[in-house]
N, C-alpha and C. Protein backbone atom coordinates (compact mmCIF):
# COMPACT_ATOMS: atom_id res chain seq x y z
N UNK A 1 0.84 -1.18 0.00
CA UNK A 1 0.00 0.00 0.00
C UNK A 1 0.88 1.24 0.00
N UNK A 2 0.47 2.26 -0.73
CA UNK A 2 1.17 3.53 -0.79
C UNK A 2 0.21 4.64 -0.41
N UNK A 3 0.78 5.67 0.20
CA UNK A 3 0.05 6.91 0.39
C UNK A 3 0.65 7.89 -0.59
N UNK A 4 -0.17 8.50 -1.41
CA UNK A 4 0.27 9.45 -2.42
C UNK A 4 -0.13 10.84 -1.97
N UNK A 5 0.87 11.71 -1.82
CA UNK A 5 0.62 13.10 -1.42
C UNK A 5 0.67 13.95 -2.70
N UNK A 6 -0.46 14.55 -3.06
CA UNK A 6 -0.52 15.38 -4.26
C UNK A 6 -0.30 16.84 -3.90
N UNK A 7 0.14 17.64 -4.90
CA UNK A 7 0.25 19.07 -4.65
C UNK A 7 -1.12 19.58 -4.25
N UNK A 8 -1.14 20.51 -3.32
CA UNK A 8 -2.40 21.00 -2.79
C UNK A 8 -2.79 20.28 -1.51
N UNK A 9 -2.00 19.25 -1.11
CA UNK A 9 -2.22 18.59 0.17
C UNK A 9 -3.12 17.37 0.14
N UNK A 10 -3.76 17.07 -0.99
CA UNK A 10 -4.65 15.91 -1.04
C UNK A 10 -3.84 14.62 -0.97
N UNK A 11 -4.33 13.66 -0.18
CA UNK A 11 -3.69 12.35 -0.05
C UNK A 11 -4.61 11.26 -0.57
N UNK A 12 -4.00 10.28 -1.25
CA UNK A 12 -4.71 9.11 -1.72
C UNK A 12 -4.04 7.87 -1.15
N UNK A 13 -4.82 6.88 -0.78
CA UNK A 13 -4.27 5.58 -0.34
C UNK A 13 -4.49 4.62 -1.49
N UNK A 14 -3.40 4.01 -1.97
CA UNK A 14 -3.48 3.15 -3.15
C UNK A 14 -2.96 1.76 -2.81
N UNK A 15 -3.74 0.75 -3.18
CA UNK A 15 -3.33 -0.64 -3.07
C UNK A 15 -3.49 -1.27 -4.44
N UNK A 16 -2.51 -2.09 -4.82
CA UNK A 16 -2.56 -2.74 -6.12
C UNK A 16 -2.95 -4.19 -5.95
N UNK A 17 -3.95 -4.61 -6.73
CA UNK A 17 -4.40 -6.00 -6.73
C UNK A 17 -4.60 -6.41 -8.18
N UNK A 18 -4.01 -7.48 -8.60
CA UNK A 18 -4.13 -8.07 -9.94
C UNK A 18 -4.99 -7.27 -10.93
N UNK A 19 -4.41 -6.26 -11.56
CA UNK A 19 -5.11 -5.47 -12.57
C UNK A 19 -6.09 -4.46 -12.04
N UNK A 20 -6.14 -4.30 -10.73
CA UNK A 20 -7.04 -3.32 -10.13
C UNK A 20 -6.28 -2.45 -9.14
N UNK A 21 -6.72 -1.22 -9.00
CA UNK A 21 -6.20 -0.32 -7.98
C UNK A 21 -7.33 0.02 -7.03
N UNK A 22 -7.03 -0.02 -5.75
CA UNK A 22 -7.97 0.49 -4.75
C UNK A 22 -7.47 1.88 -4.38
N UNK A 23 -8.24 2.89 -4.74
CA UNK A 23 -7.88 4.27 -4.44
C UNK A 23 -8.90 4.79 -3.45
N UNK A 24 -8.44 5.07 -2.23
CA UNK A 24 -9.32 5.49 -1.15
C UNK A 24 -10.52 4.55 -1.02
N UNK A 25 -10.24 3.24 -1.16
CA UNK A 25 -11.27 2.23 -0.96
C UNK A 25 -12.14 1.94 -2.18
N UNK A 26 -11.98 2.70 -3.26
CA UNK A 26 -12.78 2.47 -4.47
C UNK A 26 -11.95 1.68 -5.49
N UNK A 27 -12.57 0.67 -6.08
CA UNK A 27 -11.90 -0.21 -7.02
C UNK A 27 -11.86 0.41 -8.42
N UNK A 28 -10.69 0.38 -9.06
CA UNK A 28 -10.51 0.90 -10.42
C UNK A 28 -9.72 -0.10 -11.24
N UNK A 29 -10.22 -0.46 -12.43
CA UNK A 29 -9.45 -1.33 -13.31
C UNK A 29 -8.52 -0.44 -14.14
N UNK A 30 -7.31 -0.97 -14.44
CA UNK A 30 -6.35 -0.16 -15.19
C UNK A 30 -5.37 -1.03 -15.96
N UNK A 31 -4.78 -0.44 -16.99
CA UNK A 31 -3.61 -0.98 -17.66
C UNK A 31 -2.66 0.18 -17.87
N UNK A 32 -1.38 -0.08 -17.72
CA UNK A 32 -0.35 0.95 -17.87
C UNK A 32 0.66 0.44 -18.88
N UNK A 33 0.88 1.23 -19.93
CA UNK A 33 1.83 0.85 -20.98
C UNK A 33 2.89 1.93 -21.11
N UNK A 34 4.15 1.51 -21.15
CA UNK A 34 5.24 2.47 -21.34
C UNK A 34 5.40 2.72 -22.84
N UNK A 35 5.30 3.99 -23.23
CA UNK A 35 5.46 4.37 -24.64
C UNK A 35 6.94 4.53 -24.98
N UNK A 36 7.66 5.17 -24.07
CA UNK A 36 9.11 5.35 -24.14
C UNK A 36 9.54 5.68 -22.72
N UNK A 37 10.83 5.65 -22.41
CA UNK A 37 11.24 5.92 -21.03
C UNK A 37 10.66 7.24 -20.51
N UNK A 38 9.95 7.15 -19.40
CA UNK A 38 9.36 8.34 -18.77
C UNK A 38 8.03 8.77 -19.32
N UNK A 39 7.50 8.06 -20.31
CA UNK A 39 6.22 8.43 -20.92
C UNK A 39 5.31 7.19 -20.94
N UNK A 40 4.07 7.36 -20.44
CA UNK A 40 3.18 6.22 -20.27
C UNK A 40 1.78 6.52 -20.79
N UNK A 41 1.08 5.46 -21.15
CA UNK A 41 -0.33 5.51 -21.49
C UNK A 41 -1.06 4.75 -20.39
N UNK A 42 -2.01 5.42 -19.73
CA UNK A 42 -2.78 4.82 -18.65
C UNK A 42 -4.24 4.72 -19.09
N UNK A 43 -4.77 3.52 -19.03
CA UNK A 43 -6.19 3.29 -19.29
C UNK A 43 -6.80 2.90 -17.95
N UNK A 44 -7.66 3.79 -17.41
CA UNK A 44 -8.28 3.52 -16.11
C UNK A 44 -9.78 3.73 -16.22
N UNK A 45 -10.51 2.69 -15.86
CA UNK A 45 -11.97 2.72 -15.91
C UNK A 45 -12.48 3.17 -17.28
N UNK A 46 -11.81 2.71 -18.35
CA UNK A 46 -12.24 3.02 -19.71
C UNK A 46 -11.82 4.38 -20.22
N UNK A 47 -11.11 5.16 -19.43
CA UNK A 47 -10.65 6.49 -19.86
C UNK A 47 -9.14 6.46 -20.05
N UNK A 48 -8.65 7.11 -21.11
CA UNK A 48 -7.22 7.14 -21.37
C UNK A 48 -6.57 8.38 -20.78
N UNK A 49 -5.34 8.21 -20.32
CA UNK A 49 -4.58 9.31 -19.72
C UNK A 49 -3.14 9.23 -20.22
N UNK A 50 -2.56 10.39 -20.47
CA UNK A 50 -1.15 10.49 -20.83
C UNK A 50 -0.38 10.90 -19.58
N UNK A 51 0.69 10.14 -19.26
CA UNK A 51 1.47 10.42 -18.05
C UNK A 51 2.94 10.52 -18.44
N UNK A 52 3.57 11.63 -18.07
CA UNK A 52 5.00 11.82 -18.30
C UNK A 52 5.69 12.09 -16.97
N UNK A 53 6.82 11.45 -16.75
CA UNK A 53 7.63 11.72 -15.57
C UNK A 53 8.61 12.82 -15.96
N UNK A 54 8.43 14.03 -15.42
CA UNK A 54 9.29 15.16 -15.74
C UNK A 54 10.53 15.17 -14.88
N UNK A 55 10.37 14.89 -13.59
CA UNK A 55 11.49 14.84 -12.64
C UNK A 55 11.20 13.74 -11.63
N UNK A 56 12.27 13.07 -11.18
CA UNK A 56 12.08 12.06 -10.14
C UNK A 56 13.27 12.05 -9.20
N UNK A 57 12.97 11.96 -7.92
CA UNK A 57 13.98 11.80 -6.89
C UNK A 57 13.57 10.56 -6.10
N UNK A 58 14.16 9.43 -6.47
CA UNK A 58 13.77 8.16 -5.85
C UNK A 58 14.14 8.10 -4.38
N UNK A 59 15.19 8.82 -3.99
CA UNK A 59 15.60 8.81 -2.59
C UNK A 59 14.53 9.42 -1.71
N UNK A 60 14.03 10.59 -2.10
CA UNK A 60 13.00 11.25 -1.30
C UNK A 60 11.59 10.85 -1.73
N UNK A 61 11.48 10.05 -2.79
CA UNK A 61 10.21 9.59 -3.33
C UNK A 61 9.32 10.75 -3.75
N UNK A 62 9.93 11.74 -4.40
CA UNK A 62 9.21 12.89 -4.90
C UNK A 62 9.27 12.89 -6.43
N UNK A 63 8.14 13.16 -7.08
CA UNK A 63 8.06 13.10 -8.53
C UNK A 63 7.29 14.31 -9.05
N UNK A 64 7.71 14.78 -10.21
CA UNK A 64 6.97 15.81 -10.93
C UNK A 64 6.43 15.14 -12.18
N UNK A 65 5.10 15.07 -12.29
CA UNK A 65 4.44 14.38 -13.39
C UNK A 65 3.62 15.36 -14.21
N UNK A 66 3.45 15.03 -15.48
CA UNK A 66 2.49 15.75 -16.32
C UNK A 66 1.43 14.72 -16.69
N UNK A 67 0.21 14.94 -16.19
CA UNK A 67 -0.90 14.03 -16.45
C UNK A 67 -1.93 14.77 -17.28
N UNK A 68 -2.13 14.30 -18.51
CA UNK A 68 -3.06 14.95 -19.45
C UNK A 68 -2.76 16.44 -19.58
N UNK A 69 -1.47 16.80 -19.61
CA UNK A 69 -1.06 18.18 -19.80
C UNK A 69 -0.98 19.01 -18.53
N UNK A 70 -1.42 18.47 -17.42
CA UNK A 70 -1.40 19.20 -16.15
C UNK A 70 -0.22 18.71 -15.30
N UNK A 71 0.60 19.64 -14.80
CA UNK A 71 1.76 19.28 -13.98
C UNK A 71 1.34 19.08 -12.53
N UNK A 72 1.81 17.96 -11.95
CA UNK A 72 1.42 17.59 -10.59
C UNK A 72 2.67 17.13 -9.83
N UNK A 73 2.86 17.66 -8.61
CA UNK A 73 3.90 17.16 -7.72
C UNK A 73 3.31 15.98 -6.94
N UNK A 74 4.06 14.88 -6.89
CA UNK A 74 3.59 13.68 -6.21
C UNK A 74 4.67 13.19 -5.26
N UNK A 75 4.28 12.90 -4.04
CA UNK A 75 5.17 12.28 -3.07
C UNK A 75 4.59 10.94 -2.66
N UNK A 76 5.43 9.93 -2.56
CA UNK A 76 4.97 8.60 -2.17
C UNK A 76 5.46 8.24 -0.78
N UNK A 77 4.64 7.53 -0.04
CA UNK A 77 5.04 6.94 1.24
C UNK A 77 4.58 5.50 1.22
N UNK A 78 5.45 4.60 1.68
CA UNK A 78 5.03 3.22 1.82
C UNK A 78 4.91 2.89 3.30
N UNK A 79 4.68 1.63 3.62
CA UNK A 79 4.45 1.25 5.01
C UNK A 79 5.67 1.50 5.88
N UNK A 80 6.87 1.43 5.29
CA UNK A 80 8.08 1.68 6.06
C UNK A 80 8.21 3.17 6.41
N UNK A 81 7.88 4.04 5.46
CA UNK A 81 7.89 5.48 5.72
C UNK A 81 6.88 5.83 6.82
N UNK A 82 5.70 5.20 6.75
CA UNK A 82 4.67 5.45 7.78
C UNK A 82 5.14 4.96 9.15
N UNK A 83 5.83 3.82 9.18
CA UNK A 83 6.36 3.29 10.44
C UNK A 83 7.41 4.24 11.02
N UNK A 84 8.33 4.73 10.20
CA UNK A 84 9.34 5.67 10.68
C UNK A 84 8.69 6.94 11.21
N UNK A 85 7.65 7.40 10.55
CA UNK A 85 6.94 8.60 11.01
C UNK A 85 6.29 8.36 12.37
N UNK A 86 5.62 7.20 12.53
CA UNK A 86 4.98 6.87 13.82
C UNK A 86 6.01 6.76 14.94
N UNK A 87 7.22 6.29 14.61
CA UNK A 87 8.28 6.15 15.61
C UNK A 87 9.04 7.45 15.84
N UNK A 88 8.69 8.50 15.08
CA UNK A 88 9.36 9.79 15.24
C UNK A 88 10.74 9.83 14.63
N UNK A 89 10.99 8.97 13.64
CA UNK A 89 12.32 8.91 13.02
C UNK A 89 12.26 9.33 11.56
N UNK A 90 11.34 10.22 11.20
CA UNK A 90 11.18 10.61 9.80
C UNK A 90 11.83 11.94 9.47
N UNK A 91 12.65 12.48 10.35
CA UNK A 91 13.23 13.81 10.13
C UNK A 91 14.42 13.83 9.20
N UNK A 92 14.87 12.68 8.70
CA UNK A 92 16.00 12.66 7.78
C UNK A 92 17.33 12.75 8.48
N UNK A 93 17.34 12.87 9.81
CA UNK A 93 18.58 12.83 10.55
C UNK A 93 19.32 14.15 10.65
N UNK A 94 18.80 15.21 10.07
CA UNK A 94 19.52 16.47 10.14
C UNK A 94 19.04 17.28 11.33
N UNK A 95 19.93 18.00 11.94
CA UNK A 95 19.62 18.83 13.09
C UNK A 95 20.01 20.27 12.76
N UNK A 96 19.34 21.25 13.34
CA UNK A 96 19.64 22.65 13.08
C UNK A 96 20.83 23.13 13.90
N UNK A 97 21.43 22.28 14.70
CA UNK A 97 22.53 22.67 15.57
C UNK A 97 23.88 22.61 14.88
N UNK A 98 23.91 22.27 13.59
CA UNK A 98 25.18 22.15 12.89
C UNK A 98 25.74 20.75 12.94
N UNK A 99 24.93 19.79 13.37
CA UNK A 99 25.35 18.41 13.43
C UNK A 99 24.37 17.54 12.66
N UNK A 100 24.90 16.55 11.97
CA UNK A 100 24.06 15.52 11.38
C UNK A 100 24.14 14.34 12.34
N UNK A 101 22.98 13.94 12.88
CA UNK A 101 22.93 12.84 13.84
C UNK A 101 22.22 11.65 13.23
N UNK A 102 22.57 10.47 13.70
CA UNK A 102 21.92 9.25 13.25
C UNK A 102 20.48 9.23 13.77
N UNK A 103 19.49 9.11 12.89
CA UNK A 103 18.10 9.08 13.33
C UNK A 103 17.70 7.74 13.95
N UNK A 104 18.57 6.72 13.76
CA UNK A 104 18.31 5.37 14.27
C UNK A 104 19.64 4.62 14.26
N UNK A 105 19.73 3.50 14.96
CA UNK A 105 20.95 2.70 14.88
C UNK A 105 21.12 2.15 13.47
N UNK A 106 22.35 2.03 13.01
CA UNK A 106 22.57 1.50 11.67
C UNK A 106 24.04 1.38 11.33
N UNK A 107 24.29 1.11 10.06
CA UNK A 107 25.64 0.93 9.53
C UNK A 107 25.89 1.99 8.47
N UNK A 108 27.02 2.69 8.57
CA UNK A 108 27.38 3.71 7.59
C UNK A 108 27.77 2.99 6.30
N UNK A 109 27.01 3.22 5.23
CA UNK A 109 27.25 2.57 3.94
C UNK A 109 28.11 3.45 3.04
N UNK A 110 27.90 4.77 3.10
CA UNK A 110 28.63 5.67 2.22
C UNK A 110 28.66 7.06 2.84
N UNK A 111 29.79 7.76 2.60
CA UNK A 111 29.92 9.16 3.00
C UNK A 111 30.42 9.90 1.75
N UNK A 112 29.47 10.40 0.92
CA UNK A 112 29.85 10.99 -0.36
C UNK A 112 30.35 12.44 -0.28
N UNK A 113 30.61 12.95 0.92
CA UNK A 113 31.14 14.31 1.07
C UNK A 113 32.51 14.25 1.75
N UNK A 114 33.22 15.35 1.69
CA UNK A 114 34.53 15.41 2.35
C UNK A 114 34.61 16.68 3.20
N UNK A 115 35.53 16.68 4.14
CA UNK A 115 35.70 17.85 5.02
C UNK A 115 36.09 19.06 4.18
N UNK A 116 35.48 20.20 4.52
CA UNK A 116 35.73 21.43 3.80
C UNK A 116 34.84 21.64 2.59
N UNK A 117 34.07 20.63 2.22
CA UNK A 117 33.21 20.70 1.04
C UNK A 117 31.98 21.56 1.32
N UNK A 118 31.63 22.43 0.39
CA UNK A 118 30.38 23.19 0.46
C UNK A 118 29.26 22.31 -0.03
N UNK A 119 28.16 22.33 0.70
CA UNK A 119 27.00 21.52 0.32
C UNK A 119 25.77 22.40 0.22
N UNK A 120 24.82 21.93 -0.57
CA UNK A 120 23.55 22.65 -0.74
C UNK A 120 22.43 21.88 -0.06
N UNK A 121 21.38 22.58 0.29
CA UNK A 121 20.21 21.95 0.88
C UNK A 121 19.76 20.81 -0.03
N UNK A 122 19.54 19.63 0.58
CA UNK A 122 19.09 18.47 -0.18
C UNK A 122 20.20 17.54 -0.63
N UNK A 123 21.48 17.99 -0.53
CA UNK A 123 22.60 17.12 -0.89
C UNK A 123 22.68 15.94 0.08
N UNK A 124 23.01 14.76 -0.44
CA UNK A 124 23.20 13.59 0.41
C UNK A 124 24.53 13.72 1.14
N UNK A 125 24.49 13.65 2.47
CA UNK A 125 25.69 13.75 3.29
C UNK A 125 26.21 12.38 3.70
N UNK A 126 25.29 11.43 3.88
CA UNK A 126 25.68 10.12 4.39
C UNK A 126 24.57 9.13 4.07
N UNK A 127 24.93 7.88 3.80
CA UNK A 127 23.94 6.83 3.58
C UNK A 127 24.06 5.85 4.75
N UNK A 128 22.95 5.65 5.44
CA UNK A 128 22.90 4.80 6.62
C UNK A 128 21.97 3.63 6.36
N UNK A 129 22.46 2.41 6.58
CA UNK A 129 21.61 1.23 6.42
C UNK A 129 21.01 0.89 7.78
N UNK A 130 19.68 0.83 7.82
CA UNK A 130 18.97 0.51 9.05
C UNK A 130 17.70 -0.24 8.68
N UNK A 131 17.37 -1.26 9.43
CA UNK A 131 16.17 -2.06 9.19
C UNK A 131 16.15 -2.59 7.75
N UNK A 132 17.31 -3.00 7.24
CA UNK A 132 17.48 -3.56 5.90
C UNK A 132 17.13 -2.57 4.79
N UNK A 133 17.17 -1.26 5.09
CA UNK A 133 16.91 -0.24 4.09
C UNK A 133 18.04 0.77 4.13
N UNK A 134 18.40 1.30 2.96
CA UNK A 134 19.38 2.37 2.91
C UNK A 134 18.65 3.70 3.01
N UNK A 135 19.14 4.56 3.91
CA UNK A 135 18.53 5.85 4.15
C UNK A 135 19.55 6.93 3.83
N UNK A 136 19.23 7.78 2.86
CA UNK A 136 20.10 8.89 2.50
C UNK A 136 19.80 10.04 3.44
N UNK A 137 20.80 10.44 4.23
CA UNK A 137 20.64 11.57 5.14
C UNK A 137 21.09 12.82 4.40
N UNK A 138 20.21 13.80 4.30
CA UNK A 138 20.43 14.97 3.45
C UNK A 138 20.62 16.23 4.26
N UNK A 139 21.25 17.20 3.63
CA UNK A 139 21.47 18.50 4.25
C UNK A 139 20.15 19.26 4.36
N UNK A 140 19.90 19.83 5.53
CA UNK A 140 18.68 20.60 5.75
C UNK A 140 18.82 22.02 5.22
N UNK A 141 20.06 22.45 5.03
CA UNK A 141 20.32 23.81 4.54
C UNK A 141 21.71 23.85 3.91
N UNK A 142 22.01 24.92 3.21
CA UNK A 142 23.36 25.11 2.66
C UNK A 142 24.34 25.22 3.82
N UNK A 143 25.50 24.59 3.67
CA UNK A 143 26.49 24.59 4.75
C UNK A 143 27.84 24.16 4.20
N UNK A 144 28.81 24.03 5.11
CA UNK A 144 30.13 23.49 4.79
C UNK A 144 30.40 22.35 5.76
N UNK A 145 30.97 21.26 5.24
CA UNK A 145 31.30 20.11 6.08
C UNK A 145 32.54 20.48 6.90
N UNK A 146 32.36 20.57 8.23
CA UNK A 146 33.48 20.92 9.12
C UNK A 146 34.29 19.67 9.45
N UNK A 147 33.61 18.61 9.90
CA UNK A 147 34.31 17.40 10.30
C UNK A 147 33.42 16.19 10.10
N UNK A 148 33.99 15.11 9.57
CA UNK A 148 33.30 13.84 9.42
C UNK A 148 33.77 12.94 10.56
N UNK A 149 32.85 12.50 11.39
CA UNK A 149 33.18 11.78 12.61
C UNK A 149 33.04 10.26 12.50
N UNK A 150 32.60 9.76 11.35
CA UNK A 150 32.41 8.32 11.15
C UNK A 150 33.07 7.88 9.85
N UNK A 151 33.21 6.58 9.71
CA UNK A 151 33.81 6.00 8.50
C UNK A 151 32.85 4.99 7.90
N UNK A 152 33.03 4.76 6.60
CA UNK A 152 32.26 3.74 5.90
C UNK A 152 32.46 2.40 6.60
N UNK A 153 31.35 1.68 6.83
CA UNK A 153 31.41 0.38 7.48
C UNK A 153 31.24 0.44 8.99
N UNK A 154 31.19 1.64 9.55
CA UNK A 154 31.08 1.81 11.00
C UNK A 154 29.62 1.67 11.46
N UNK A 155 29.42 0.94 12.55
CA UNK A 155 28.09 0.84 13.16
C UNK A 155 27.90 2.03 14.09
N UNK A 156 26.71 2.62 14.06
CA UNK A 156 26.42 3.78 14.91
C UNK A 156 25.10 3.57 15.65
N UNK A 157 24.97 4.23 16.78
CA UNK A 157 23.74 4.20 17.57
C UNK A 157 22.90 5.43 17.26
N UNK A 158 21.63 5.39 17.64
CA UNK A 158 20.74 6.54 17.46
C UNK A 158 21.34 7.76 18.16
N UNK A 159 21.23 8.92 17.52
CA UNK A 159 21.70 10.23 18.00
C UNK A 159 23.21 10.39 18.00
N UNK A 160 23.96 9.43 17.43
CA UNK A 160 25.40 9.60 17.28
C UNK A 160 25.65 10.75 16.31
N UNK A 161 26.53 11.68 16.66
CA UNK A 161 26.88 12.76 15.75
C UNK A 161 27.75 12.17 14.64
N UNK A 162 27.31 12.32 13.42
CA UNK A 162 27.98 11.74 12.26
C UNK A 162 28.88 12.75 11.55
N UNK A 163 28.35 13.96 11.36
CA UNK A 163 29.05 15.02 10.63
C UNK A 163 28.76 16.36 11.30
N UNK A 164 29.82 17.17 11.44
CA UNK A 164 29.66 18.55 11.95
C UNK A 164 29.61 19.49 10.75
N UNK A 165 28.66 20.43 10.78
CA UNK A 165 28.47 21.38 9.70
C UNK A 165 28.61 22.81 10.21
N UNK A 166 29.07 23.69 9.34
CA UNK A 166 29.13 25.11 9.69
C UNK A 166 28.49 25.92 8.56
């Protein structure tokens, strides 16, 4: 099951079942055909729709789509995202204090930044594996990496300071 957040704040709950979609509890038959990469033909309940993926950020699960000529921002959440939110661990691990802290216990998989590097809001600072999922921890604002306190392959506990930012 997915929760789809549309621009304007509307949310839809979608479940997929053998050729059918349950959208907010209502059953819809559909077929989806890829015309070319990023461009699709959707037939739902006998009506045709043109769908283009204009931008996609799989890490944050945010997409910019053009559906029948209308541009729509779409965000997806699955059951794991909902679980992290209920547990209070959905903040992405960034703190406004100039520190990037581990939002949960895990293993450092990658540190794609270096000390002294300027970063922009949304840049991936560290990839943490937790609960068998890789979580990209991103910058909350523009900053400079002051000090990296962990190494690739290192196990960390919740709230461990990973990176200092200035």
